């Protein structure tokens, strides 16, 4: 960890010039005292870092000093910078490593290209935290200690003990054979087997994890994309899924498809709307998805879903019929106060 921090310190000074101990501490997420010790270590190792005293002083490198990093062309470095802007990496505990790697990528460019690549990267935004409707995309929060143990077991090919809380259940310890890690829409998953059976665990539901020394029972090579696709298909086609026949305004078609588990059939209606046969995870999922589309969609079957949506709409209409009781009480209180004042 300290070696990585020392490299990051040198790269920060190369790319930004003179920086104070406070600024370096903030960038490296350490104390100013640690920065001073790191600067001393770099000087002892022959790195030409020096201190400038005074109000605008700080630490800097002698002009012309350059670290020996593998060269990249402009497009290769830009591709890495864009990939580094994606939000999934922190989900598997590599956020700090990514920040350090991005510094090295920028530094590996020829000086004539460095500014241009950084400027181009600023013009691209990948996976922002909110969509156009300001709906916040919340990433899973997983303790660093947990994800580090999981990651080590996956890479080393060792068995893994996890204290896992399945939905609506108390956490239980279980030993699994890890296969790989998958990040989907900022949610992290561990693909594994347990007693030979396929298992998929959400990282945010892991309370604790422990890498074991025993080798995992798994194939030497894996096509993780294929494994994930197979498990996703089984998930969509099993359990208590609900099939719904829906008429939808073409302008809201993608929104409907984005919330459904699968689209089994699709055709156009005579009035220009689309008729889709879709599946949802369960009844609550189906009702929620159709409710979001309001009058831009109509559930044709099953009948219980039509009835549920009708009753829900009727309850909303009743709630908002007439003036608000709260507003009426406020108005009455104001009138009473005004009348009392005039009587005096």
Protein backbone atom coordinates (compact mmCIF):
# COMPACT_ATOMS: atom_id res chain seq x y z
CA UNK A 1 0.00 0.00 0.00
CA UNK A 2 2.78 2.47 0.86
CA UNK A 3 4.61 1.79 -2.41
CA UNK A 4 1.44 2.63 -4.36
CA UNK A 5 1.02 5.81 -2.33
CA UNK A 6 4.60 6.90 -3.04
CA UNK A 7 4.06 6.41 -6.77
CA UNK A 8 0.81 8.38 -6.59
CA UNK A 9 2.60 11.20 -4.74
CA UNK A 10 5.26 11.45 -7.46
CA UNK A 11 2.62 11.42 -10.20
CA UNK A 12 0.61 14.15 -8.50
CA UNK A 13 3.70 16.38 -8.32
CA UNK A 14 4.56 15.65 -11.95
CA UNK A 15 1.10 16.48 -13.24
CA UNK A 16 0.18 19.42 -11.00
CA UNK A 17 3.49 20.94 -10.08
CA UNK A 18 3.98 22.39 -6.59
CA UNK A 19 1.53 21.10 -3.94
CA UNK A 20 1.40 21.75 -0.22
CA UNK A 21 1.47 18.97 2.37
CA UNK A 22 -2.20 19.67 3.09
CA UNK A 23 -3.16 19.34 -0.57
CA UNK A 24 -1.19 16.11 -0.95
CA UNK A 25 -2.74 14.70 2.23
CA UNK A 26 -6.23 15.42 0.89
CA UNK A 27 -5.51 13.79 -2.47
CA UNK A 28 -3.87 10.72 -0.95
CA UNK A 29 -6.38 10.46 1.92
CA UNK A 30 -3.67 10.40 4.61
CA UNK A 31 -2.44 12.82 7.27
CA UNK A 32 0.01 15.65 6.61
CA UNK A 33 2.48 13.88 8.91
CA UNK A 34 2.32 10.81 6.66
CA UNK A 35 2.99 13.00 3.60
CA UNK A 36 6.13 14.41 5.25
CA UNK A 37 7.39 10.91 6.01
CA UNK A 38 6.69 9.83 2.41
CA UNK A 39 8.58 12.84 1.03
CA UNK A 40 11.58 11.93 3.20
CA UNK A 41 11.44 8.35 1.92
CA UNK A 42 11.36 9.54 -1.70
CA UNK A 43 14.33 11.84 -1.14
CA UNK A 44 16.29 9.00 0.45
CA UNK A 45 15.50 6.82 -2.58
CA UNK A 46 16.93 9.44 -4.94
CA UNK A 47 13.71 10.99 -6.23
CA UNK A 48 14.45 14.72 -6.72
CA UNK A 49 11.60 16.13 -4.60
CA UNK A 50 12.30 19.36 -2.74
CA UNK A 51 10.44 21.75 -0.43
CA UNK A 52 9.86 25.43 -1.00
CA UNK A 53 9.27 27.57 2.08
CA UNK A 54 6.93 30.49 2.41
CA UNK A 55 3.28 31.36 2.03
CA UNK A 56 2.99 29.81 -1.42
CA UNK A 57 5.47 27.03 -0.78
CA UNK A 58 5.05 23.29 -1.00
CA UNK A 59 6.70 20.25 -2.49
CA UNK A 60 7.84 19.93 -6.11
CA UNK A 61 10.03 17.80 -8.39
CA UNK A 62 13.10 19.06 -10.21
CA UNK A 63 12.18 20.11 -13.78
CA UNK A 64 12.52 17.33 -16.33
CA UNK A 65 12.12 14.44 -13.89
CA UNK A 66 10.02 11.63 -15.40
CA UNK A 67 8.99 8.23 -14.13
CA UNK A 68 9.59 5.23 -16.39
CA UNK A 69 6.09 3.96 -17.20
CA UNK A 70 4.87 1.91 -20.12
CA UNK A 71 3.93 4.19 -23.02
CA UNK A 72 0.40 4.39 -24.40
CA UNK A 73 -0.86 6.11 -27.51
CA UNK A 74 -3.55 8.78 -27.28
CA UNK A 75 -6.56 6.56 -28.08
CA UNK A 76 -5.43 3.77 -25.74
CA UNK A 77 -5.02 6.18 -22.84
CA UNK A 78 -8.35 7.85 -23.61
CA UNK A 79 -10.11 4.47 -23.64
CA UNK A 80 -8.68 3.68 -20.19
CA UNK A 81 -9.66 7.09 -18.84
CA UNK A 82 -13.23 6.60 -20.05
CA UNK A 83 -13.37 3.07 -18.64
CA UNK A 84 -12.09 4.45 -15.36
CA UNK A 85 -15.00 6.89 -15.19
CA UNK A 86 -17.52 4.06 -14.86
CA UNK A 87 -19.07 3.72 -11.44
CA UNK A 88 -18.97 -0.05 -11.00
CA UNK A 89 -15.36 -0.43 -9.88
CA UNK A 90 -15.90 0.77 -6.27
CA UNK A 91 -18.59 -1.95 -5.94
CA UNK A 92 -15.88 -4.63 -5.94
CA UNK A 93 -13.53 -2.64 -3.72
CA UNK A 94 -11.14 -1.24 -6.34
CA UNK A 95 -11.99 2.46 -6.11
CA UNK A 96 -8.65 3.60 -4.65
CA UNK A 97 -6.70 1.35 -7.01
CA UNK A 98 -8.58 2.86 -9.94
CA UNK A 99 -7.71 6.40 -8.88
CA UNK A 100 -4.02 5.47 -8.68
CA UNK A 101 -4.15 3.70 -12.05
CA UNK A 102 -5.71 6.73 -13.74
CA UNK A 103 -2.83 8.91 -12.52
CA UNK A 104 -0.38 6.45 -14.09
CA UNK A 105 -2.32 6.37 -17.35
CA UNK A 106 -2.18 10.15 -17.68
CA UNK A 107 1.50 10.21 -16.78
CA UNK A 108 2.30 7.56 -19.40
CA UNK A 109 1.22 9.88 -22.20
CA UNK A 110 3.70 12.11 -24.00
CA UNK A 111 3.51 15.60 -22.54
CA UNK A 112 2.14 16.96 -25.82
CA UNK A 113 -0.88 14.62 -25.56
CA UNK A 114 -1.47 14.71 -21.80
CA UNK A 115 -3.53 17.88 -21.70
CA UNK A 116 -5.56 16.91 -24.78
CA UNK A 117 -6.51 13.50 -23.34
CA UNK A 118 -7.56 14.99 -20.02
CA UNK A 119 -9.65 17.61 -21.83
CA UNK A 120 -11.36 14.98 -24.01
CA UNK A 121 -12.12 12.83 -20.94
CA UNK A 122 -13.86 15.82 -19.35
CA UNK A 123 -16.22 15.94 -22.35
CA UNK A 124 -17.58 12.43 -21.71
CA UNK A 125 -19.78 11.25 -18.83
CA UNK A 126 -20.40 7.55 -18.39
CA UNK A 127 -22.96 6.15 -15.92
CA UNK A 128 -23.90 9.34 -14.04
CA UNK A 129 -25.44 9.07 -10.58
CA UNK A 130 -28.90 10.18 -11.80
CA UNK A 131 -30.92 9.75 -14.98
CA UNK A 132 -32.85 12.43 -16.91
CA UNK A 133 -35.71 12.28 -14.40
CA UNK A 134 -33.28 12.90 -11.50
CA UNK A 135 -33.81 9.36 -10.23
CA UNK A 136 -30.73 8.56 -8.19
CA UNK A 137 -28.90 5.39 -9.17
CA UNK A 138 -27.76 4.02 -5.83
CA UNK A 139 -24.74 1.74 -5.83
CA UNK A 140 -24.44 -1.12 -3.37
CA UNK A 141 -22.47 -0.31 -0.24
CA UNK A 142 -20.20 -3.19 0.76
CA UNK A 143 -17.65 -3.01 3.61
CA UNK A 144 -14.09 -2.91 2.26
CA UNK A 145 -13.06 -5.78 4.54
CA UNK A 146 -15.78 -8.00 3.11
CA UNK A 147 -15.19 -7.29 -0.55
CA UNK A 148 -11.41 -7.64 -0.09
CA UNK A 149 -11.82 -11.16 1.33
CA UNK A 150 -14.23 -12.13 -1.45
CA UNK A 151 -11.95 -10.74 -4.14
CA UNK A 152 -8.89 -12.55 -2.74
CA UNK A 153 -10.73 -15.88 -2.62
CA UNK A 154 -11.98 -15.46 -6.20
CA UNK A 155 -8.54 -14.60 -7.58
CA UNK A 156 -6.64 -17.19 -5.51
CA UNK A 157 -9.12 -19.98 -6.22
CA UNK A 158 -9.79 -20.69 -2.54
CA UNK A 159 -13.00 -21.64 -0.76
CA UNK A 160 -14.85 -18.79 0.95
CA UNK A 161 -16.94 -18.56 4.13
CA UNK A 162 -19.60 -15.87 4.01
CA UNK A 163 -22.05 -14.63 6.65
CA UNK A 164 -24.93 -14.00 4.28
CA UNK A 165 -28.39 -12.54 4.87
CA UNK A 166 -30.81 -13.77 2.20
CA UNK A 167 -33.93 -11.67 1.62
CA UNK A 168 -36.09 -11.49 4.76
CA UNK A 169 -33.83 -13.97 6.59
CA UNK A 170 -31.29 -13.77 9.40
CA UNK A 171 -27.62 -14.04 8.35
CA UNK A 172 -26.18 -17.57 8.18
CA UNK A 173 -22.65 -18.84 7.65
CA UNK A 174 -22.06 -20.90 4.55
CA UNK A 175 -18.98 -22.14 2.68
CA UNK A 176 -18.91 -21.71 -1.09
CA UNK A 177 -16.64 -22.25 -4.08
CA UNK A 178 -16.27 -18.82 -5.74
CA UNK A 179 -16.33 -18.58 -9.55
CA UNK A 180 -16.25 -14.86 -10.30
CA UNK A 181 -17.51 -11.34 -9.56
CA UNK A 182 -20.09 -9.48 -11.64
CA UNK A 183 -21.14 -5.82 -11.44
CA UNK A 184 -24.53 -4.88 -12.92
CA UNK A 185 -25.92 -1.34 -12.57
CA UNK A 186 -23.64 -0.71 -9.60
CA UNK A 187 -24.75 -3.88 -7.84
CA UNK A 188 -22.10 -6.50 -7.13
CA UNK A 189 -22.68 -10.26 -7.23
CA UNK A 190 -20.57 -13.29 -6.39
CA UNK A 191 -21.11 -16.27 -8.68
CA UNK A 192 -20.30 -19.46 -6.81
CA UNK A 193 -21.29 -23.08 -6.22
CA UNK A 194 -22.29 -24.62 -2.92
CA UNK A 195 -22.13 -28.39 -2.56
CA UNK A 196 -22.01 -28.50 -6.36
CA UNK A 197 -25.17 -26.39 -6.87
CA UNK A 198 -25.10 -22.99 -8.60
CA UNK A 199 -25.48 -20.02 -6.25
CA UNK A 200 -25.52 -16.24 -6.82
CA UNK A 201 -24.90 -13.95 -3.83
CA UNK A 202 -25.38 -10.19 -3.68
CA UNK A 203 -22.32 -8.56 -2.11
CA UNK A 204 -24.35 -5.98 -0.18
CA UNK A 205 -26.04 -8.80 1.76
CA UNK A 206 -22.73 -10.17 3.05
CA UNK A 207 -22.17 -9.30 6.71
CA UNK A 208 -18.71 -10.88 6.83
CA UNK A 209 -16.43 -13.01 4.68
CA UNK A 210 -13.35 -15.17 5.23
CA UNK A 211 -10.99 -16.60 2.62
CA UNK A 212 -10.05 -20.19 3.42
CA UNK A 213 -6.84 -22.00 2.49
CA UNK A 214 -8.62 -24.97 0.92
CA UNK A 215 -8.70 -24.88 -2.91
CA UNK A 216 -12.08 -24.17 -4.45
CA UNK A 217 -13.79 -26.87 -6.52
CA UNK A 218 -14.14 -25.11 -9.86
CA UNK A 219 -13.07 -25.33 -13.49
CA UNK A 220 -9.64 -23.96 -14.41
CA UNK A 221 -11.16 -21.61 -17.00
CA UNK A 222 -14.52 -19.85 -17.04
CA UNK A 223 -16.62 -17.88 -19.54
CA UNK A 224 -18.12 -15.56 -16.95
CA UNK A 225 -20.40 -13.79 -19.46
CA UNK A 226 -21.95 -17.12 -20.47
CA UNK A 227 -22.38 -18.24 -16.84
CA UNK A 228 -24.07 -14.94 -15.95
CA UNK A 229 -26.38 -15.19 -18.99
CA UNK A 230 -27.41 -18.73 -18.09
CA UNK A 231 -28.16 -17.82 -14.48
CA UNK A 232 -30.05 -14.69 -15.56
CA UNK A 233 -32.19 -16.79 -17.89
CA UNK A 234 -32.99 -19.29 -15.13
CA UNK A 235 -33.88 -16.43 -12.78
CA UNK A 236 -36.27 -14.86 -15.31
CA UNK A 237 -38.02 -18.11 -16.18
CA UNK A 238 -38.33 -19.64 -12.71
CA UNK A 239 -40.11 -18.88 -9.44
CA UNK A 240 -43.41 -16.96 -9.15
CA UNK A 241 -43.14 -14.81 -12.27
CA UNK A 242 -46.28 -13.12 -13.57
CA UNK A 243 -47.19 -12.94 -17.27
CA UNK A 244 -49.02 -9.77 -18.31
CA UNK A 245 -50.54 -8.71 -21.64
CA UNK A 246 -50.10 -4.94 -21.94
CA UNK A 247 -51.10 -2.20 -24.39
CA UNK A 248 -48.60 0.65 -24.24
CA UNK A 249 -47.94 3.96 -25.93
CA UNK A 250 -44.84 3.48 -28.17
CA UNK A 251 -43.23 6.48 -26.44
CA UNK A 252 -43.23 4.54 -23.15
CA UNK A 253 -42.33 1.15 -24.64
CA UNK A 254 -38.66 1.21 -23.58
CA UNK A 255 -39.62 2.17 -20.03
CA UNK A 256 -41.94 -0.84 -19.78
CA UNK A 257 -39.38 -3.21 -21.27
CA UNK A 258 -36.69 -1.83 -18.97
CA UNK A 259 -38.67 -2.82 -15.87
CA UNK A 260 -39.93 -6.22 -17.11
CA UNK A 261 -37.97 -9.43 -16.72
CA UNK A 262 -38.61 -10.51 -20.31
CA UNK A 263 -40.66 -9.75 -23.43
CA UNK A 264 -42.22 -12.92 -24.81
CA UNK A 265 -44.13 -11.38 -27.75
CA UNK A 266 -44.77 -7.96 -29.30
CA UNK A 267 -47.09 -6.64 -32.02
CA UNK A 268 -48.74 -3.39 -33.11
CA UNK A 269 -52.38 -2.52 -32.40
CA UNK A 270 -54.66 -0.89 -34.95
CA UNK A 271 -54.57 2.44 -33.06
CA UNK A 272 -50.76 2.66 -33.21
CA UNK A 273 -50.14 1.40 -29.68
CA UNK A 274 -48.06 -1.70 -29.00
CA UNK A 275 -49.29 -4.95 -27.51
CA UNK A 276 -46.63 -6.76 -25.45
CA UNK A 277 -46.63 -10.07 -23.60
CA UNK A 278 -44.18 -9.47 -20.72
CA UNK A 279 -43.21 -11.17 -17.47
CA UNK A 280 -42.55 -9.63 -14.07
CA UNK A 281 -40.88 -11.06 -10.98
CA UNK A 282 -44.15 -11.23 -8.99
CA UNK A 283 -47.53 -9.52 -8.55
CA UNK A 284 -46.09 -6.53 -6.67
CA UNK A 285 -43.52 -5.98 -9.40
CA UNK A 286 -46.22 -6.11 -12.11
CA UNK A 287 -48.51 -3.65 -10.31
CA UNK A 288 -45.66 -1.24 -9.60
CA UNK A 289 -44.42 -1.27 -13.21
CA UNK A 290 -47.86 -0.63 -14.73
CA UNK A 291 -48.66 2.07 -12.16
CA UNK A 292 -45.56 4.02 -13.22
CA UNK A 293 -46.91 4.29 -16.76
CA UNK A 294 -50.27 5.76 -15.65
CA UNK A 295 -52.64 6.18 -18.63
CA UNK A 296 -49.89 5.44 -21.17
CA UNK A 297 -50.38 1.72 -20.62
CA UNK A 298 -53.24 -0.70 -20.02
CA UNK A 299 -52.98 -4.18 -18.53
CA UNK A 300 -55.32 -6.44 -20.54
CA UNK A 301 -54.68 -9.61 -18.58
CA UNK A 302 -54.70 -10.97 -15.91
CA UNK A 303 -57.96 -9.63 -14.52
CA UNK A 304 -56.70 -9.43 -10.93
CA UNK A 305 -54.06 -6.90 -12.06
CA UNK A 306 -56.68 -4.73 -13.79
CA UNK A 307 -58.81 -4.84 -10.64
CA UNK A 308 -55.86 -3.98 -8.41
CA UNK A 309 -54.84 -0.99 -10.55
CA UNK A 310 -58.46 0.22 -10.73
CA UNK A 311 -58.88 0.01 -6.93
CA UNK A 312 -55.60 1.81 -6.40
CA UNK A 313 -56.59 4.62 -8.78
CA UNK A 314 -60.00 4.92 -7.08
CA UNK A 315 -58.34 5.23 -3.68
CA UNK A 316 -56.08 8.00 -4.98
CA UNK A 317 -59.05 9.82 -6.54
CA UNK A 318 -60.95 9.63 -3.25
CA UNK A 319 -57.98 10.95 -1.32
CA UNK A 320 -57.69 14.03 -3.54
CA UNK A 321 -61.42 14.73 -3.97
CA UNK A 322 -62.33 18.20 -2.67
CA UNK A 323 -60.03 20.39 -0.59
CA UNK A 324 -57.33 19.05 1.69
CA UNK A 325 -58.53 18.49 5.30
CA UNK A 326 -55.23 19.96 6.49
CA UNK A 327 -55.80 23.11 4.43
CA UNK A 328 -59.35 23.38 5.79
CA UNK A 329 -58.12 23.14 9.39
CA UNK A 330 -55.46 25.78 8.68
CA UNK A 331 -58.03 28.10 7.08
CA UNK A 332 -60.44 27.64 10.00
CA UNK A 333 -57.71 28.38 12.51
CA UNK A 334 -56.75 31.56 10.64
CA UNK A 335 -60.39 32.70 10.53
CA UNK A 336 -60.80 32.02 14.25
CA UNK A 337 -57.67 34.03 15.08
CA UNK A 338 -58.80 36.91 12.88
CA UNK A 339 -62.26 36.96 14.49
CA UNK A 340 -60.82 36.92 18.00
CA UNK A 341 -58.56 39.86 17.13
CA UNK A 342 -61.44 41.95 15.76
CA UNK A 343 -63.56 41.27 18.88
CA UNK A 344 -60.85 42.82 21.00
